[in-house]
Amino acid sequence: MITYDSSKGPYLLDEVAKRGHSLWWDPADQAWHSSDDAAVQALINTFDPLPPAQQAAEQRVDAAAGEARARYITVAPGQEAVYNLKLQQAKDYQAAGNPADATPWPLINQEATARGVSPSQVATEIITTANQWIQIAAQIEAIRMKAKADIKAATTWQQCEQIASQA
């Protein structure tokens, strides 16, 4: 029969399985059983739930940051590269003095033509949007990095769970 320590959190069962063992509760005799009582009990007795809790919490924080970013960006193959090219062309166009002929900057020129606005307006909008995104990204990144620092400083698996759920 196994003496299970529930204070070690949900990560203990994962570790038992990772080590090639099984552990289950039998409601008939109200006891824990395992595939190898000696090995599983030794694992239970020595298991530190903090490292796997920290790893799982950091993964949750990263996923939450990704979800937050996705609310502000276009998630489509190649779109990030297009946005980067547009930003570079907008900066180059403005650095050239916003000339009437924008053909050397095809992304600016084509968008201006498609929308029926000036290349100068397109360049300004692209740069303004990029600057707004930088502020949003900085806020998301600050929350992510603070949560990760707090997770590294946590002393219990419960603290890790709480930090991840608030990020």
N, C-alpha and C. Protein backbone atom coordinates (compact mmCIF):
# COMPACT_ATOMS: atom_id res chain seq x y z
N MET A 1 0.84 -1.18 0.00
CA MET A 1 0.00 0.00 0.00
C MET A 1 0.89 1.25 0.00
N ILE A 2 0.44 2.27 -0.69
CA ILE A 2 1.19 3.51 -0.87
C ILE A 2 0.66 4.59 0.07
N THR A 3 1.58 5.38 0.61
CA THR A 3 1.20 6.57 1.37
C THR A 3 1.39 7.76 0.44
N TYR A 4 0.27 8.26 -0.06
CA TYR A 4 0.29 9.34 -1.04
C TYR A 4 0.31 10.69 -0.33
N ASP A 5 1.13 11.61 -0.84
CA ASP A 5 1.24 12.94 -0.25
C ASP A 5 0.62 13.95 -1.20
N SER A 6 -0.64 14.29 -0.96
CA SER A 6 -1.35 15.20 -1.87
C SER A 6 -0.82 16.63 -1.79
N SER A 7 -0.04 16.94 -0.78
CA SER A 7 0.52 18.29 -0.68
C SER A 7 1.55 18.56 -1.78
N LYS A 8 1.96 17.52 -2.49
CA LYS A 8 2.95 17.68 -3.55
C LYS A 8 2.32 18.05 -4.88
N GLY A 9 1.01 18.22 -4.89
CA GLY A 9 0.33 18.77 -6.05
C GLY A 9 0.13 17.80 -7.19
N PRO A 10 -0.40 18.32 -8.28
CA PRO A 10 -0.75 17.48 -9.43
C PRO A 10 0.46 16.97 -10.21
N TYR A 11 1.61 17.52 -9.95
CA TYR A 11 2.80 17.16 -10.72
C TYR A 11 3.37 15.81 -10.31
N LEU A 12 3.02 15.35 -9.13
CA LEU A 12 3.52 14.06 -8.65
C LEU A 12 3.03 12.93 -9.55
N LEU A 13 1.76 12.94 -9.89
CA LEU A 13 1.22 11.88 -10.75
C LEU A 13 1.90 11.88 -12.12
N ASP A 14 2.18 13.05 -12.64
CA ASP A 14 2.89 13.14 -13.92
C ASP A 14 4.28 12.54 -13.81
N GLU A 15 4.95 12.82 -12.70
CA GLU A 15 6.32 12.30 -12.51
C GLU A 15 6.31 10.78 -12.37
N VAL A 16 5.32 10.24 -11.68
CA VAL A 16 5.21 8.78 -11.54
C VAL A 16 5.09 8.15 -12.93
N ALA A 17 4.22 8.72 -13.76
CA ALA A 17 4.03 8.19 -15.12
C ALA A 17 5.29 8.37 -15.96
N LYS A 18 5.95 9.51 -15.82
CA LYS A 18 7.17 9.79 -16.58
C LYS A 18 8.26 8.76 -16.25
N ARG A 19 8.26 8.28 -15.02
CA ARG A 19 9.26 7.29 -14.59
C ARG A 19 8.85 5.86 -14.95
N GLY A 20 7.72 5.73 -15.67
CA GLY A 20 7.31 4.41 -16.14
C GLY A 20 6.46 3.62 -15.16
N HIS A 21 5.91 4.28 -14.16
CA HIS A 21 5.07 3.60 -13.18
C HIS A 21 3.64 4.10 -13.29
N SER A 22 2.76 3.42 -12.58
CA SER A 22 1.38 3.89 -12.50
C SER A 22 0.97 3.95 -11.03
N LEU A 23 0.07 4.86 -10.76
CA LEU A 23 -0.42 5.07 -9.40
C LEU A 23 -1.90 5.36 -9.51
N TRP A 24 -2.71 4.65 -8.73
CA TRP A 24 -4.15 4.85 -8.81
C TRP A 24 -4.81 4.67 -7.46
N TRP A 25 -5.94 5.31 -7.33
CA TRP A 25 -6.77 5.22 -6.13
C TRP A 25 -7.82 4.15 -6.36
N ASP A 26 -7.95 3.24 -5.41
CA ASP A 26 -8.97 2.19 -5.48
C ASP A 26 -10.06 2.52 -4.49
N PRO A 27 -11.23 2.94 -4.96
CA PRO A 27 -12.30 3.31 -4.03
C PRO A 27 -12.84 2.12 -3.24
N ALA A 28 -12.64 0.91 -3.75
CA ALA A 28 -13.16 -0.26 -3.04
C ALA A 28 -12.47 -0.46 -1.70
N ASP A 29 -11.14 -0.33 -1.69
CA ASP A 29 -10.43 -0.50 -0.42
C ASP A 29 -9.92 0.83 0.14
N GLN A 30 -10.30 1.93 -0.52
CA GLN A 30 -9.93 3.28 -0.06
C GLN A 30 -8.42 3.40 0.13
N ALA A 31 -7.67 2.95 -0.89
CA ALA A 31 -6.21 2.98 -0.78
C ALA A 31 -5.58 3.28 -2.14
N TRP A 32 -4.36 3.83 -2.07
CA TRP A 32 -3.56 4.05 -3.27
C TRP A 32 -2.80 2.78 -3.58
N HIS A 33 -2.67 2.47 -4.86
CA HIS A 33 -1.91 1.31 -5.32
C HIS A 33 -1.00 1.76 -6.46
N SER A 34 0.04 0.96 -6.69
CA SER A 34 0.97 1.32 -7.76
C SER A 34 1.49 0.08 -8.46
N SER A 35 2.18 0.34 -9.56
CA SER A 35 2.78 -0.76 -10.32
C SER A 35 4.04 -1.29 -9.64
N ASP A 36 4.66 -0.48 -8.78
CA ASP A 36 5.86 -0.89 -8.06
C ASP A 36 5.89 -0.08 -6.76
N ASP A 37 5.34 -0.66 -5.70
CA ASP A 37 5.17 0.09 -4.45
C ASP A 37 6.46 0.70 -3.92
N ALA A 38 7.56 -0.03 -3.94
CA ALA A 38 8.81 0.49 -3.37
C ALA A 38 9.32 1.68 -4.19
N ALA A 39 9.34 1.53 -5.50
CA ALA A 39 9.86 2.61 -6.35
C ALA A 39 8.95 3.84 -6.30
N VAL A 40 7.65 3.62 -6.35
CA VAL A 40 6.71 4.75 -6.34
C VAL A 40 6.72 5.44 -4.99
N GLN A 41 6.79 4.68 -3.91
CA GLN A 41 6.83 5.31 -2.58
C GLN A 41 8.11 6.13 -2.41
N ALA A 42 9.22 5.62 -2.91
CA ALA A 42 10.48 6.38 -2.84
C ALA A 42 10.35 7.67 -3.63
N LEU A 43 9.71 7.60 -4.77
CA LEU A 43 9.50 8.80 -5.58
C LEU A 43 8.60 9.80 -4.84
N ILE A 44 7.52 9.31 -4.27
CA ILE A 44 6.62 10.19 -3.50
C ILE A 44 7.37 10.86 -2.36
N ASN A 45 8.18 10.10 -1.67
CA ASN A 45 8.89 10.62 -0.50
C ASN A 45 9.92 11.69 -0.85
N THR A 46 10.50 11.61 -2.04
CA THR A 46 11.58 12.53 -2.40
C THR A 46 11.18 13.58 -3.45
N PHE A 47 9.99 13.49 -3.95
CA PHE A 47 9.56 14.37 -5.04
C PHE A 47 9.45 15.82 -4.60
N ASP A 48 10.07 16.71 -5.36
CA ASP A 48 9.96 18.16 -5.14
C ASP A 48 9.08 18.72 -6.25
N PRO A 49 7.88 19.18 -5.93
CA PRO A 49 6.97 19.65 -6.96
C PRO A 49 7.31 21.03 -7.52
N LEU A 50 8.23 21.74 -6.89
CA LEU A 50 8.50 23.11 -7.32
C LEU A 50 9.06 23.20 -8.75
N PRO A 51 10.10 22.44 -9.12
CA PRO A 51 10.62 22.59 -10.49
C PRO A 51 9.58 22.33 -11.59
N PRO A 52 8.81 21.23 -11.53
CA PRO A 52 7.81 21.07 -12.60
C PRO A 52 6.70 22.11 -12.53
N ALA A 53 6.38 22.58 -11.35
CA ALA A 53 5.36 23.63 -11.22
C ALA A 53 5.86 24.93 -11.84
N GLN A 54 7.12 25.23 -11.62
CA GLN A 54 7.69 26.44 -12.22
C GLN A 54 7.69 26.34 -13.74
N GLN A 55 8.08 25.20 -14.25
CA GLN A 55 8.11 25.01 -15.70
C GLN A 55 6.71 25.13 -16.29
N ALA A 56 5.74 24.48 -15.68
CA ALA A 56 4.36 24.55 -16.18
C ALA A 56 3.81 25.97 -16.08
N ALA A 57 4.11 26.65 -14.99
CA ALA A 57 3.62 28.02 -14.81
C ALA A 57 4.23 28.95 -15.85
N GLU A 58 5.51 28.80 -16.14
CA GLU A 58 6.15 29.63 -17.16
C GLU A 58 5.54 29.37 -18.53
N GLN A 59 5.22 28.13 -18.82
CA GLN A 59 4.57 27.81 -20.10
C GLN A 59 3.19 28.46 -20.18
N ARG A 60 2.46 28.44 -19.08
CA ARG A 60 1.14 29.09 -19.06
C ARG A 60 1.26 30.59 -19.25
N VAL A 61 2.26 31.20 -18.63
CA VAL A 61 2.49 32.64 -18.77
C VAL A 61 2.82 32.97 -20.23
N ASP A 62 3.70 32.18 -20.85
CA ASP A 62 4.04 32.42 -22.25
C ASP A 62 2.81 32.28 -23.15
N ALA A 63 1.99 31.27 -22.88
CA ALA A 63 0.77 31.08 -23.67
C ALA A 63 -0.19 32.25 -23.49
N ALA A 64 -0.32 32.73 -22.26
CA ALA A 64 -1.20 33.88 -22.00
C ALA A 64 -0.69 35.12 -22.72
N ALA A 65 0.62 35.31 -22.74
CA ALA A 65 1.19 36.46 -23.46
C ALA A 65 0.92 36.33 -24.95
N GLY A 66 1.04 35.13 -25.48
CA GLY A 66 0.74 34.90 -26.89
C GLY A 66 -0.71 35.20 -27.22
N GLU A 67 -1.61 34.79 -26.33
CA GLU A 67 -3.03 35.08 -26.54
C GLU A 67 -3.30 36.58 -26.47
N ALA A 68 -2.63 37.26 -25.56
CA ALA A 68 -2.81 38.71 -25.44
C ALA A 68 -2.30 39.40 -26.71
N ARG A 69 -1.15 38.98 -27.21
CA ARG A 69 -0.61 39.57 -28.44
C ARG A 69 -1.54 39.32 -29.62
N ALA A 70 -2.11 38.12 -29.68
CA ALA A 70 -2.96 37.74 -30.81
C ALA A 70 -4.20 38.62 -30.92
N ARG A 71 -4.59 39.26 -29.83
CA ARG A 71 -5.74 40.18 -29.88
C ARG A 71 -5.41 41.45 -30.66
N TYR A 72 -4.13 41.72 -30.87
CA TYR A 72 -3.71 42.97 -31.51
C TYR A 72 -3.01 42.79 -32.85
N ILE A 73 -2.72 41.56 -33.22
CA ILE A 73 -1.97 41.34 -34.46
C ILE A 73 -2.77 40.46 -35.41
N THR A 74 -2.33 40.46 -36.65
CA THR A 74 -2.91 39.57 -37.65
C THR A 74 -2.08 38.30 -37.64
N VAL A 75 -2.72 37.20 -37.29
CA VAL A 75 -2.02 35.92 -37.24
C VAL A 75 -2.28 35.21 -38.57
N ALA A 76 -1.36 35.40 -39.50
CA ALA A 76 -1.47 34.79 -40.83
C ALA A 76 -0.05 34.56 -41.34
N PRO A 77 0.16 33.46 -42.06
CA PRO A 77 1.51 33.19 -42.56
C PRO A 77 2.07 34.35 -43.37
N GLY A 78 3.25 34.79 -43.01
CA GLY A 78 3.95 35.83 -43.73
C GLY A 78 3.55 37.26 -43.40
N GLN A 79 2.48 37.44 -42.64
CA GLN A 79 1.99 38.80 -42.39
C GLN A 79 2.98 39.62 -41.57
N GLU A 80 3.63 38.99 -40.61
CA GLU A 80 4.61 39.72 -39.80
C GLU A 80 5.73 40.28 -40.68
N ALA A 81 6.17 39.48 -41.65
CA ALA A 81 7.22 39.94 -42.56
C ALA A 81 6.73 41.12 -43.40
N VAL A 82 5.47 41.05 -43.85
CA VAL A 82 4.91 42.15 -44.63
C VAL A 82 4.86 43.42 -43.78
N TYR A 83 4.41 43.29 -42.54
CA TYR A 83 4.35 44.46 -41.66
C TYR A 83 5.74 45.07 -41.44
N ASN A 84 6.73 44.22 -41.26
CA ASN A 84 8.10 44.72 -41.08
C ASN A 84 8.60 45.44 -42.33
N LEU A 85 8.30 44.88 -43.49
CA LEU A 85 8.68 45.54 -44.75
C LEU A 85 7.96 46.87 -44.91
N LYS A 86 6.66 46.89 -44.60
CA LYS A 86 5.90 48.14 -44.71
C LYS A 86 6.47 49.21 -43.78
N LEU A 87 6.82 48.81 -42.57
CA LEU A 87 7.37 49.78 -41.63
C LEU A 87 8.70 50.33 -42.14
N GLN A 88 9.55 49.45 -42.65
CA GLN A 88 10.83 49.93 -43.17
C GLN A 88 10.62 50.86 -44.36
N GLN A 89 9.71 50.48 -45.25
CA GLN A 89 9.44 51.34 -46.40
C GLN A 89 8.82 52.67 -45.98
N ALA A 90 7.95 52.65 -44.98
CA ALA A 90 7.35 53.90 -44.49
C ALA A 90 8.42 54.83 -43.92
N LYS A 91 9.34 54.26 -43.15
CA LYS A 91 10.43 55.08 -42.60
C LYS A 91 11.33 55.62 -43.71
N ASP A 92 11.66 54.76 -44.67
CA ASP A 92 12.51 55.19 -45.78
C ASP A 92 11.82 56.27 -46.61
N TYR A 93 10.53 56.10 -46.84
CA TYR A 93 9.75 57.08 -47.61
C TYR A 93 9.76 58.44 -46.89
N GLN A 94 9.52 58.42 -45.59
CA GLN A 94 9.54 59.69 -44.84
C GLN A 94 10.95 60.29 -44.81
N ALA A 95 11.95 59.44 -44.67
CA ALA A 95 13.33 59.94 -44.66
C ALA A 95 13.71 60.60 -45.99
N ALA A 96 13.04 60.15 -47.06
CA ALA A 96 13.29 60.74 -48.38
C ALA A 96 12.49 62.03 -48.59
N GLY A 97 11.73 62.42 -47.58
CA GLY A 97 10.99 63.68 -47.65
C GLY A 97 9.57 63.56 -48.18
N ASN A 98 8.97 62.39 -48.11
CA ASN A 98 7.59 62.17 -48.55
C ASN A 98 7.37 62.60 -50.01
N PRO A 99 8.16 62.08 -50.95
CA PRO A 99 8.02 62.51 -52.34
C PRO A 99 6.66 62.11 -52.94
N ALA A 100 6.21 62.88 -53.92
CA ALA A 100 4.93 62.58 -54.59
C ALA A 100 5.00 61.25 -55.32
N ASP A 101 6.16 60.92 -55.88
CA ASP A 101 6.34 59.65 -56.58
C ASP A 101 6.84 58.62 -55.57
N ALA A 102 5.96 57.70 -55.19
CA ALA A 102 6.31 56.70 -54.18
C ALA A 102 6.64 55.35 -54.80
N THR A 103 6.87 55.30 -56.11
CA THR A 103 7.15 54.00 -56.74
C THR A 103 8.37 53.27 -56.19
N PRO A 104 9.40 53.97 -55.67
CA PRO A 104 10.52 53.21 -55.07
C PRO A 104 10.12 52.45 -53.80
N TRP A 105 8.96 52.72 -53.26
CA TRP A 105 8.46 52.06 -52.05
C TRP A 105 7.14 51.38 -52.40
N PRO A 106 7.21 50.21 -53.05
CA PRO A 106 6.01 49.59 -53.62
C PRO A 106 4.90 49.28 -52.62
N LEU A 107 5.24 48.92 -51.42
CA LEU A 107 4.18 48.63 -50.45
C LEU A 107 3.42 49.90 -50.08
N ILE A 108 4.11 50.99 -49.93
CA ILE A 108 3.48 52.27 -49.63
C ILE A 108 2.67 52.73 -50.84
N ASN A 109 3.29 52.68 -52.00
CA ASN A 109 2.66 53.15 -53.23
C ASN A 109 1.39 52.36 -53.56
N GLN A 110 1.48 51.04 -53.51
CA GLN A 110 0.33 50.20 -53.86
C GLN A 110 -0.82 50.36 -52.86
N GLU A 111 -0.50 50.46 -51.59
CA GLU A 111 -1.56 50.65 -50.60
C GLU A 111 -2.23 52.01 -50.78
N ALA A 112 -1.43 53.03 -51.04
CA ALA A 112 -2.00 54.37 -51.26
C ALA A 112 -2.94 54.35 -52.47
N THR A 113 -2.51 53.72 -53.53
CA THR A 113 -3.34 53.62 -54.74
C THR A 113 -4.61 52.83 -54.45
N ALA A 114 -4.48 51.70 -53.78
CA ALA A 114 -5.63 50.85 -53.48
C ALA A 114 -6.65 51.56 -52.60
N ARG A 115 -6.17 52.34 -51.67
CA ARG A 115 -7.07 53.02 -50.74
C ARG A 115 -7.49 54.41 -51.20
N GLY A 116 -6.85 54.92 -52.22
CA GLY A 116 -7.18 56.25 -52.71
C GLY A 116 -6.75 57.36 -51.78
N VAL A 117 -5.62 57.16 -51.13
CA VAL A 117 -5.07 58.18 -50.22
C VAL A 117 -3.63 58.46 -50.63
N SER A 118 -3.03 59.44 -50.02
CA SER A 118 -1.65 59.79 -50.37
C SER A 118 -0.66 58.80 -49.76
N PRO A 119 0.48 58.62 -50.42
CA PRO A 119 1.53 57.79 -49.84
C PRO A 119 1.98 58.32 -48.48
N SER A 120 1.96 59.63 -48.32
CA SER A 120 2.35 60.23 -47.05
C SER A 120 1.40 59.79 -45.93
N GLN A 121 0.11 59.75 -46.23
CA GLN A 121 -0.87 59.30 -45.23
C GLN A 121 -0.63 57.84 -44.87
N VAL A 122 -0.39 57.02 -45.87
CA VAL A 122 -0.14 55.59 -45.62
C VAL A 122 1.10 55.43 -44.74
N ALA A 123 2.18 56.11 -45.08
CA ALA A 123 3.42 55.99 -44.30
C ALA A 123 3.21 56.43 -42.86
N THR A 124 2.51 57.54 -42.68
CA THR A 124 2.24 58.04 -41.32
C THR A 124 1.40 57.04 -40.53
N GLU A 125 0.37 56.47 -41.16
CA GLU A 125 -0.48 55.49 -40.47
C GLU A 125 0.31 54.24 -40.08
N ILE A 126 1.17 53.79 -40.97
CA ILE A 126 1.97 52.59 -40.68
C ILE A 126 2.88 52.84 -39.49
N ILE A 127 3.55 53.96 -39.48
CA ILE A 127 4.47 54.28 -38.38
C ILE A 127 3.70 54.49 -37.08
N THR A 128 2.57 55.16 -37.15
CA THR A 128 1.74 55.37 -35.95
C THR A 128 1.27 54.04 -35.38
N THR A 129 0.80 53.16 -36.26
CA THR A 129 0.34 51.84 -35.81
C THR A 129 1.49 51.04 -35.20
N ALA A 130 2.65 51.11 -35.81
CA ALA A 130 3.82 50.39 -35.27
C ALA A 130 4.18 50.92 -33.89
N ASN A 131 4.13 52.23 -33.72
CA ASN A 131 4.44 52.81 -32.40
C ASN A 131 3.40 52.42 -31.36
N GLN A 132 2.14 52.34 -31.75
CA GLN A 132 1.10 51.88 -30.82
C GLN A 132 1.35 50.43 -30.43
N TRP A 133 1.71 49.61 -31.41
CA TRP A 133 1.99 48.20 -31.15
C TRP A 133 3.17 48.05 -30.19
N ILE A 134 4.18 48.88 -30.36
CA ILE A 134 5.34 48.82 -29.46
C ILE A 134 4.91 49.04 -28.02
N GLN A 135 4.03 49.97 -27.78
CA GLN A 135 3.56 50.24 -26.42
C GLN A 135 2.77 49.06 -25.87
N ILE A 136 1.90 48.50 -26.69
CA ILE A 136 1.11 47.33 -26.26
C ILE A 136 2.03 46.14 -25.99
N ALA A 137 2.95 45.89 -26.92
CA ALA A 137 3.89 44.77 -26.76
C ALA A 137 4.73 44.94 -25.51
N ALA A 138 5.14 46.17 -25.22
CA ALA A 138 5.94 46.43 -24.01
C ALA A 138 5.15 46.11 -22.75
N GLN A 139 3.88 46.47 -22.74
CA GLN A 139 3.04 46.17 -21.57
C GLN A 139 2.88 44.66 -21.38
N ILE A 140 2.61 43.96 -22.47
CA ILE A 140 2.46 42.50 -22.40
C ILE A 140 3.76 41.86 -21.94
N GLU A 141 4.87 42.32 -22.50
CA GLU A 141 6.17 41.74 -22.15
C GLU A 141 6.53 42.02 -20.70
N ALA A 142 6.19 43.20 -20.20
CA ALA A 142 6.47 43.52 -18.80
C ALA A 142 5.70 42.59 -17.87
N ILE A 143 4.44 42.33 -18.20
CA ILE A 143 3.63 41.41 -17.39
C ILE A 143 4.23 40.01 -17.44
N ARG A 144 4.62 39.57 -18.63
CA ARG A 144 5.20 38.23 -18.81
C ARG A 144 6.50 38.09 -18.02
N MET A 145 7.39 39.05 -18.14
CA MET A 145 8.68 38.96 -17.45
C MET A 145 8.53 39.07 -15.94
N LYS A 146 7.61 39.89 -15.46
CA LYS A 146 7.36 40.00 -14.01
C LYS A 146 6.84 38.67 -13.49
N ALA A 147 5.89 38.08 -14.22
CA ALA A 147 5.35 36.79 -13.79
C ALA A 147 6.44 35.72 -13.76
N LYS A 148 7.30 35.70 -14.76
CA LYS A 148 8.38 34.71 -14.78
C LYS A 148 9.36 34.92 -13.63
N ALA A 149 9.66 36.17 -13.32
CA ALA A 149 10.54 36.45 -12.17
C ALA A 149 9.88 35.99 -10.88
N ASP A 150 8.59 36.25 -10.75
CA ASP A 150 7.86 35.83 -9.55
C ASP A 150 7.81 34.31 -9.44
N ILE A 151 7.65 33.64 -10.57
CA ILE A 151 7.63 32.18 -10.57
C ILE A 151 8.99 31.63 -10.13
N LYS A 152 10.06 32.21 -10.63
CA LYS A 152 11.41 31.77 -10.22
C LYS A 152 11.63 31.97 -8.72
N ALA A 153 11.01 33.01 -8.17
CA ALA A 153 11.18 33.31 -6.74
C ALA A 153 10.20 32.53 -5.86
N ALA A 154 9.22 31.89 -6.48
CA ALA A 154 8.21 31.16 -5.70
C ALA A 154 8.86 30.02 -4.91
N THR A 155 8.26 29.72 -3.78
CA THR A 155 8.79 28.65 -2.94
C THR A 155 7.85 27.45 -2.84
N THR A 156 6.65 27.57 -3.42
CA THR A 156 5.71 26.44 -3.41
C THR A 156 5.06 26.31 -4.79
N TRP A 157 4.59 25.10 -5.08
CA TRP A 157 3.91 24.89 -6.35
C TRP A 157 2.61 25.68 -6.39
N GLN A 158 1.98 25.89 -5.24
CA GLN A 158 0.73 26.65 -5.20
C GLN A 158 0.97 28.11 -5.62
N GLN A 159 2.09 28.67 -5.18
CA GLN A 159 2.41 30.05 -5.59
C GLN A 159 2.59 30.12 -7.11
N CYS A 160 3.24 29.13 -7.67
CA CYS A 160 3.44 29.10 -9.12
C CYS A 160 2.10 29.10 -9.85
N GLU A 161 1.19 28.27 -9.37
CA GLU A 161 -0.14 28.19 -9.98
C GLU A 161 -0.86 29.54 -9.89
N GLN A 162 -0.78 30.16 -8.74
CA GLN A 162 -1.45 31.45 -8.54
C GLN A 162 -0.87 32.53 -9.44
N ILE A 163 0.43 32.59 -9.54
CA ILE A 163 1.08 33.59 -10.39
C ILE A 163 0.68 33.39 -11.84
N ALA A 164 0.71 32.15 -12.30
CA ALA A 164 0.36 31.87 -13.70
C ALA A 164 -1.09 32.21 -13.99
N SER A 165 -1.96 31.98 -13.04
CA SER A 165 -3.38 32.26 -13.28
C SER A 165 -3.68 33.75 -13.31
N GLN A 166 -2.79 34.56 -12.74
CA GLN A 166 -3.01 36.01 -12.71
C GLN A 166 -2.30 36.74 -13.84
N ALA A 167 -1.44 36.05 -14.56
CA ALA A 167 -0.68 36.71 -15.65
C ALA A 167 -1.51 36.82 -16.91
